């Protein structure tokens, strides 16, 4: 695992491209489309079920409220160089100085954690590395949503209340 300035590269699983946004956070790409099956059950065109998306949305909202930071998640190809792509995505977040981005590229088996200048004062590289290790363990077990939830929770806990 390599950890640089607010960066962690970890292993993940194979999942299709998607992005998750939430009120107060960026819309990095459109949300996956929900389609109804013959049985009337909503199906999601992406790596998360509807229930997982709701849990992730709630975790982002709670982390934002408790810390005063803006937490966002991007899941998809990061292009090369991956760090620069993640930083470009981070800059698109309104109030980037107080933003924390978890950019996950399962196909590339990479995770980039990008913190803004103000968020960096509350979440150290060591904190990001610990969150990344926890996320990697979940990803290795095939639990993408659980890994993202764990990462959000740990980073928010390290940031503390505002």
Protein backbone atom coordinates (compact mmCIF):
# COMPACT_ATOMS: atom_id res chain seq x y z
CA UNK A 1 0.00 0.00 0.00
CA UNK A 2 1.29 3.43 -0.89
CA UNK A 3 0.29 6.47 1.10
CA UNK A 4 1.30 9.94 0.03
CA UNK A 5 -0.14 13.32 0.79
CA UNK A 6 -3.77 12.47 1.48
CA UNK A 7 -3.64 9.47 -0.81
CA UNK A 8 -4.12 5.77 -0.34
CA UNK A 9 -3.99 3.07 -2.99
CA UNK A 10 -5.66 -0.18 -2.03
CA UNK A 11 -7.10 -3.28 -3.59
CA UNK A 12 -10.78 -3.54 -4.45
CA UNK A 13 -13.12 -5.77 -6.42
CA UNK A 14 -14.65 -5.56 -9.88
CA UNK A 15 -17.71 -3.30 -10.12
CA UNK A 16 -19.23 -1.20 -12.93
CA UNK A 17 -18.94 2.57 -13.13
CA UNK A 18 -21.26 4.63 -10.97
CA UNK A 19 -21.18 7.68 -8.73
CA UNK A 20 -22.99 8.60 -5.58
CA UNK A 21 -24.03 12.12 -4.79
CA UNK A 22 -26.00 13.60 -1.95
CA UNK A 23 -27.52 16.93 -0.93
CA UNK A 24 -24.65 19.34 -0.33
CA UNK A 25 -22.22 17.14 -2.25
CA UNK A 26 -21.26 17.05 -5.90
CA UNK A 27 -22.96 15.29 -8.73
CA UNK A 28 -19.93 13.67 -10.30
CA UNK A 29 -21.99 11.64 -12.72
CA UNK A 30 -25.68 10.87 -12.83
CA UNK A 31 -27.06 8.33 -10.38
CA UNK A 32 -27.65 4.85 -11.76
CA UNK A 33 -31.06 4.33 -13.30
CA UNK A 34 -33.74 2.42 -11.39
CA UNK A 35 -35.78 0.06 -13.51
CA UNK A 36 -38.83 -1.97 -12.51
CA UNK A 37 -38.85 -5.71 -13.05
CA UNK A 38 -41.94 -7.73 -13.96
CA UNK A 39 -42.38 -8.43 -10.25
CA UNK A 40 -42.47 -4.69 -9.48
CA UNK A 41 -39.08 -4.72 -7.75
CA UNK A 42 -36.76 -1.79 -8.42
CA UNK A 43 -33.46 -2.88 -9.90
CA UNK A 44 -30.39 -0.68 -9.92
CA UNK A 45 -28.07 -0.39 -12.88
CA UNK A 46 -24.85 -0.18 -10.87
CA UNK A 47 -22.86 -1.79 -8.08
CA UNK A 48 -25.30 -0.88 -5.26
CA UNK A 49 -28.80 -1.99 -4.40
CA UNK A 50 -31.40 0.65 -3.58
CA UNK A 51 -31.04 -0.19 0.10
CA UNK A 52 -27.27 0.21 -0.05
CA UNK A 53 -27.65 3.58 -1.80
CA UNK A 54 -30.01 4.75 0.94
CA UNK A 55 -27.56 3.64 3.64
CA UNK A 56 -24.67 5.38 1.86
CA UNK A 57 -26.71 8.55 1.41
CA UNK A 58 -27.60 8.55 5.12
CA UNK A 59 -23.96 7.96 6.12
CA UNK A 60 -22.84 10.89 3.97
CA UNK A 61 -25.54 13.15 5.39
CA UNK A 62 -24.69 12.24 9.00
CA UNK A 63 -20.93 12.66 8.40
CA UNK A 64 -21.54 16.09 6.85
CA UNK A 65 -23.76 17.22 9.73
CA UNK A 66 -21.52 15.93 12.51
CA UNK A 67 -18.22 17.21 11.13
CA UNK A 68 -19.15 20.29 9.12
CA UNK A 69 -17.12 18.81 6.27
CA UNK A 70 -18.52 17.64 2.93
CA UNK A 71 -18.05 13.92 2.33
CA UNK A 72 -18.43 12.59 -1.22
CA UNK A 73 -17.94 9.25 -2.93
CA UNK A 74 -17.03 8.56 -6.55
CA UNK A 75 -16.94 5.02 -7.89
CA UNK A 76 -15.65 4.47 -11.40
CA UNK A 77 -12.61 4.62 -13.62
CA UNK A 78 -10.11 7.27 -12.53
CA UNK A 79 -8.08 7.45 -15.72
CA UNK A 80 -4.35 8.03 -15.66
CA UNK A 81 -2.75 9.44 -13.66
CA UNK A 82 -5.27 8.39 -11.05
CA UNK A 83 -4.23 10.89 -8.38
CA UNK A 84 -4.67 13.84 -10.73
CA UNK A 85 -8.09 12.58 -11.81
CA UNK A 86 -9.18 12.23 -8.17
CA UNK A 87 -7.92 15.74 -7.41
CA UNK A 88 -9.84 17.12 -10.41
CA UNK A 89 -13.01 15.45 -9.13
CA UNK A 90 -12.36 16.89 -5.68
CA UNK A 91 -12.01 20.42 -7.08
CA UNK A 92 -15.52 20.09 -8.58
CA UNK A 93 -17.02 19.81 -5.10
CA UNK A 94 -18.55 23.06 -3.87
CA UNK A 95 -16.45 24.21 -0.91
CA UNK A 96 -13.57 21.93 -1.83
CA UNK A 97 -11.46 23.23 1.05
CA UNK A 98 -13.74 21.45 3.52
CA UNK A 99 -14.42 18.42 1.32
CA UNK A 100 -13.33 14.79 1.64
CA UNK A 101 -13.57 12.61 -1.47
CA UNK A 102 -13.36 8.84 -1.52
CA UNK A 103 -12.61 8.03 -5.17
CA UNK A 104 -12.77 4.29 -5.78
CA UNK A 105 -11.89 2.56 -9.03
CA UNK A 106 -12.70 -1.13 -8.60
CA UNK A 107 -11.57 -1.96 -12.14
CA UNK A 108 -8.17 -0.44 -11.44
CA UNK A 109 -8.19 -1.77 -7.86
CA UNK A 110 -7.47 1.73 -6.51
CA UNK A 111 -8.73 4.02 -3.78
CA UNK A 112 -7.80 7.68 -3.58
CA UNK A 113 -8.76 9.73 -0.53
CA UNK A 114 -8.54 13.45 -1.25
CA UNK A 115 -8.95 16.07 1.47
CA UNK A 116 -9.29 19.82 1.03
CA UNK A 117 -7.00 22.26 2.82
CA UNK A 118 -9.34 22.74 5.81
CA UNK A 119 -10.38 19.07 5.99
CA UNK A 120 -6.69 18.09 5.98
CA UNK A 121 -6.24 19.89 9.31
CA UNK A 122 -8.68 17.43 10.89
CA UNK A 123 -7.95 14.23 8.94
CA UNK A 124 -4.27 13.30 8.83
CA UNK A 125 -2.56 11.04 6.32
CA UNK A 126 -2.39 8.42 9.07
CA UNK A 127 -6.16 8.68 9.60
CA UNK A 128 -6.75 8.29 5.85
CA UNK A 129 -4.45 5.27 5.74
CA UNK A 130 -6.30 3.57 8.61
CA UNK A 131 -9.64 4.18 6.88
CA UNK A 132 -8.20 2.86 3.62
CA UNK A 133 -7.01 -0.34 5.30
CA UNK A 134 -10.48 -0.94 6.73
CA UNK A 135 -12.07 -0.27 3.36
CA UNK A 136 -9.60 -2.60 1.62
CA UNK A 137 -10.52 -5.45 3.96
CA UNK A 138 -14.20 -5.05 3.05
CA UNK A 139 -13.44 -4.71 -0.65
CA UNK A 140 -11.32 -7.87 -0.56
CA UNK A 141 -14.31 -9.69 0.94
CA UNK A 142 -16.52 -8.46 -1.91
CA UNK A 143 -18.38 -5.85 0.15
CA UNK A 144 -18.08 -2.57 -1.76
CA UNK A 145 -20.91 -0.79 0.07
CA UNK A 146 -19.71 -1.98 3.49
CA UNK A 147 -16.20 -0.76 2.73
CA UNK A 148 -17.43 2.67 1.68
CA UNK A 149 -19.62 2.91 4.80
CA UNK A 150 -16.68 1.94 7.01
CA UNK A 151 -14.45 4.54 5.34
CA UNK A 152 -16.98 7.34 5.74
CA UNK A 153 -17.53 6.43 9.40
CA UNK A 154 -13.83 6.25 10.24
CA UNK A 155 -12.92 9.47 8.45
CA UNK A 156 -15.82 11.30 10.10
CA UNK A 157 -14.79 9.94 13.50
CA UNK A 158 -11.22 11.15 12.98
CA UNK A 159 -12.45 14.57 11.88
CA UNK A 160 -14.56 14.94 15.03
CA UNK A 161 -17.48 17.24 15.60
CA UNK A 162 -17.47 20.80 14.34
